[in-house]
Protein backbone atom coordinates (compact mmCIF):
# COMPACT_ATOMS: atom_id res chain seq x y z
CA MET A 1 0.00 0.00 0.00
CA LEU A 2 2.77 2.41 0.95
CA LEU A 3 4.67 1.68 -2.29
CA ALA A 4 1.50 2.19 -4.34
CA ALA A 5 0.85 5.49 -2.58
CA ARG A 6 4.41 6.67 -3.27
CA PHE A 7 4.17 5.63 -6.92
CA SER A 8 0.84 7.44 -7.21
CA ASP A 9 2.36 10.55 -5.64
CA TYR A 10 5.37 10.33 -8.02
CA SER A 11 3.07 9.87 -11.01
CA SER A 12 0.96 12.88 -10.11
CA ARG A 13 4.11 15.01 -9.70
CA MET A 14 5.38 13.85 -13.11
CA VAL A 15 2.03 14.66 -14.74
CA THR A 16 2.15 18.06 -13.10
CA LEU A 17 5.67 18.64 -14.42
CA GLU A 18 4.75 17.63 -17.98
CA ARG A 19 1.45 19.50 -18.06
CA PRO A 20 2.52 23.20 -18.22
CA ALA A 21 3.86 23.16 -21.80
CA PHE A 22 0.79 21.33 -23.04
CA THR A 23 -1.49 23.50 -20.93
CA GLU A 24 0.17 26.68 -22.18
CA GLU A 25 -0.33 25.64 -25.79
CA ALA A 26 -3.90 24.48 -25.15
CA ASP A 27 -4.69 27.75 -23.34
CA CYS A 28 -3.21 29.76 -26.21
CA ILE A 29 -5.23 27.79 -28.74
CA ALA A 30 -8.46 28.31 -26.80
CA LYS A 31 -7.81 32.05 -26.42
CA ALA A 32 -6.70 32.46 -30.04
CA GLN A 33 -9.89 30.73 -31.18
CA GLN A 34 -11.69 33.55 -29.32
CA SER A 35 -9.76 36.07 -31.51
CA ASP A 36 -7.05 36.79 -28.93
CA ALA A 37 -4.18 38.05 -31.11
CA LYS A 38 -1.63 37.91 -28.26
CA ALA A 39 -2.41 34.24 -27.67
CA PHE A 40 -1.96 33.54 -31.37
CA GLU A 41 1.34 35.44 -31.27
CA ARG A 42 2.50 33.06 -28.51
CA LEU A 43 1.49 30.09 -30.70
CA TYR A 44 3.40 31.68 -33.56
CA ARG A 45 6.54 32.00 -31.42
CA MET A 46 6.21 28.38 -30.27
CA HIS A 47 6.01 27.00 -33.80
CA VAL A 48 7.53 29.45 -36.30
CA ASP A 49 11.02 27.91 -36.36
CA ARG A 50 9.78 24.41 -37.23
CA VAL A 51 7.26 25.70 -39.78
CA TYR A 52 9.94 27.83 -41.44
CA GLY A 53 12.35 24.88 -41.43
CA LEU A 54 9.73 22.70 -43.10
CA CYS A 55 9.00 25.35 -45.73
CA LEU A 56 12.70 25.93 -46.37
CA ARG A 57 13.38 22.23 -46.84
CA MET A 58 10.41 21.88 -49.20
CA THR A 59 11.20 24.92 -51.32
CA GLY A 60 14.98 25.05 -51.07
CA ASN A 61 14.66 28.84 -51.29
CA VAL A 62 14.85 31.31 -48.38
CA SER A 63 12.49 33.87 -49.93
CA GLU A 64 9.89 31.24 -50.89
CA ALA A 65 10.17 29.67 -47.43
CA GLU A 66 9.61 33.03 -45.72
CA ASP A 67 6.57 33.73 -47.92
CA SER A 68 5.20 30.22 -47.37
CA THR A 69 5.68 30.51 -43.60
CA GLN A 70 3.87 33.83 -43.56
CA GLU A 71 1.06 32.40 -45.69
CA ALA A 72 0.79 29.35 -43.42
CA PHE A 73 0.33 31.45 -40.29
CA ILE A 74 -2.18 33.73 -42.01
CA GLN A 75 -4.17 30.66 -43.02
CA ALA A 76 -3.81 29.17 -39.53
CA TRP A 77 -5.23 32.37 -37.99
CA ASN A 78 -8.13 32.34 -40.46
CA LYS A 79 -8.84 28.63 -39.97
CA LEU A 80 -8.11 28.34 -36.27
CA HIS A 81 -11.80 27.93 -35.50
CA LEU A 82 -11.65 24.66 -37.48
CA PHE A 83 -8.96 23.13 -35.25
CA ARG A 84 -10.69 20.48 -33.13
CA GLY A 85 -7.68 18.83 -31.53
CA ASP A 86 -8.02 15.54 -33.44
CA SER A 87 -4.27 15.72 -34.05
CA ALA A 88 -1.45 17.65 -32.42
CA PHE A 89 -1.54 21.38 -33.14
CA SER A 90 1.93 21.13 -34.72
CA THR A 91 0.70 18.44 -37.13
CA TRP A 92 -2.31 20.56 -38.08
CA LEU A 93 -0.03 23.57 -38.59
CA HIS A 94 2.43 21.54 -40.68
CA ARG A 95 -0.41 20.43 -42.97
CA ILE A 96 -1.32 24.07 -43.51
CA ALA A 97 2.34 24.89 -44.21
CA VAL A 98 2.65 22.04 -46.72
CA ASN A 99 -0.51 23.26 -48.47
CA ALA A 100 0.86 26.82 -48.52
CA VAL A 101 4.09 25.59 -50.15
CA LEU A 102 2.25 23.45 -52.70
CA GLY A 103 -0.16 26.31 -53.46
CA ARG A 104 2.72 28.67 -54.14
CA ILE A 105 4.37 26.09 -56.38
CA ARG A 106 1.20 25.56 -58.38
CA LYS A 107 0.72 29.31 -58.81
CA SER A 108 4.27 30.04 -59.81
CA LYS A 109 6.58 28.99 -62.58
CA ARG A 110 9.55 30.09 -60.47
CA GLU A 111 9.89 26.66 -58.88
CA GLN A 112 10.48 25.00 -62.26
CA ASP A 113 13.00 27.69 -63.16
CA ARG A 114 14.83 27.14 -59.85
CA ILE A 115 15.02 23.40 -60.46
CA GLN A 116 16.39 24.01 -63.97
CA VAL A 117 19.08 26.32 -62.58
CA ALA A 118 19.97 23.71 -59.94
CA VAL A 119 20.27 21.02 -62.61
CA GLU A 120 22.52 23.25 -64.72
CA GLN A 121 24.67 24.09 -61.70
CA SER A 122 24.94 20.45 -60.67
CA SER A 123 26.51 19.63 -64.04
CA ALA A 124 29.17 22.34 -63.50
CA PRO A 125 32.52 21.27 -62.04
CA LEU A 126 32.63 21.24 -58.27
CA ALA A 127 34.53 23.97 -56.48
CA THR A 128 37.71 22.88 -54.79
CA ALA A 129 36.83 24.67 -51.54
CA ASP A 130 35.50 22.48 -48.75
CA THR A 131 31.86 23.48 -48.14
CA GLY A 132 31.19 20.91 -45.43
CA ASP A 133 29.36 17.62 -45.48
CA MET A 134 26.04 18.99 -44.19
CA ARG A 135 25.98 21.73 -46.80
CA ASP A 136 26.67 19.15 -49.52
CA LEU A 137 23.81 17.00 -48.26
CA SER A 138 21.49 20.01 -48.05
CA GLU A 139 22.36 21.00 -51.61
CA ALA A 140 21.80 17.42 -52.77
CA VAL A 141 18.34 17.46 -51.17
CA ASP A 142 17.60 20.79 -52.90
CA ARG A 143 18.45 19.19 -56.26
CA LEU A 144 15.96 16.34 -55.82
CA PRO A 145 12.91 16.42 -58.08
CA GLU A 146 10.00 18.16 -56.38
CA GLY A 147 7.91 15.08 -55.48
CA ALA A 148 10.87 13.13 -54.12
CA ARG A 149 12.14 16.16 -52.20
CA HIS A 150 8.78 16.81 -50.54
CA VAL A 151 8.38 13.18 -49.43
CA PHE A 152 12.01 13.02 -48.24
CA VAL A 153 11.62 16.19 -46.16
CA LEU A 154 8.33 15.17 -44.56
CA HIS A 155 9.20 11.51 -43.94
CA ALA A 156 12.97 11.36 -43.43
CA VAL A 157 13.62 14.81 -41.95
CA TYR A 158 10.41 15.55 -40.01
CA GLY A 159 9.50 11.95 -39.19
CA TYR A 160 5.96 11.80 -40.52
CA SER A 161 4.69 8.33 -41.45
CA HIS A 162 4.03 7.47 -45.09
CA GLU A 163 0.30 7.75 -44.38
CA GLU A 164 0.68 11.24 -42.86
CA THR A 165 3.04 12.32 -45.65
CA ALA A 166 0.61 11.02 -48.29
CA ASP A 167 -2.27 12.84 -46.59
CA MET A 168 -0.36 16.14 -46.50
CA LEU A 169 0.72 15.88 -50.14
CA ASP A 170 -2.59 14.40 -51.36
CA ILE A 171 -0.94 11.30 -52.81
CA ALA A 172 -1.23 7.56 -52.10
CA ALA A 173 0.91 6.03 -49.32
CA GLY A 174 2.47 3.73 -51.96
CA THR A 175 3.48 6.79 -53.97
CA SER A 176 5.08 8.24 -50.84
CA LYS A 177 7.11 5.05 -50.37
CA ALA A 178 8.15 5.05 -54.03
CA GLN A 179 9.17 8.73 -53.91
CA LEU A 180 11.20 8.12 -50.73
CA HIS A 181 13.01 5.23 -52.41
CA ARG A 182 13.66 7.46 -55.44
CA ALA A 183 14.93 10.30 -53.22
CA ARG A 184 17.34 8.02 -51.37
CA ARG A 185 18.63 6.51 -54.61
CA LEU A 186 19.18 9.95 -56.17
CA LEU A 187 20.85 11.30 -53.01
CA ALA A 188 23.21 8.33 -52.88
CA GLN A 189 24.01 8.83 -56.57
CA GLN A 190 24.66 12.57 -56.14
CA LEU A 191 26.83 12.10 -53.07
CA THR A 192 28.81 9.28 -54.74
CA GLU A 193 29.44 11.59 -57.72
CA GLN A 194 30.75 14.21 -55.26
CA GLY A 195 33.23 11.71 -53.83
CA PHE A 196 31.36 10.53 -50.74
CA GLU A 197 31.27 6.79 -50.09
CA ALA A 198 27.82 5.17 -50.14
């Protein structure tokens, strides 16, 4: 009995310790849904870095990522009343960000031009200066075809399942798996060409 009471006391303390971050976010969501701009600003500060990172990885372009991030938070503010808590707020926000990126791509020819420039640059001789392994990998990801890059970023970088990735990109889960396989094959090929061992 004494051991059970101590365990119960420990458990309640642990729940209390874990609760504030969740409670703060939940409180901000509830207040923001009541049109509290300061509460939404707190949500923005909690999530902007990850949303921007997602947008940057998907677009491979700082300006496009900034615009997509801004668009995602504008849409989140406008659609916040639709958030029911069926998924984590971050997952809901990432779906909006993915849709903002894809919407910008559909509306703009600039993405195709950027890919063409990247392809032309990738055929140019490599500079002799050491740019660092992470930068080489990041540039290799940027050179992936759009579909493969988006799946790679969502699944391999952000850890979403194939089902979640497929849902965000409006494709089949099998297509997500195929695009991930393609992305990994192309990355291995690019890095091997740059002198990295597979």
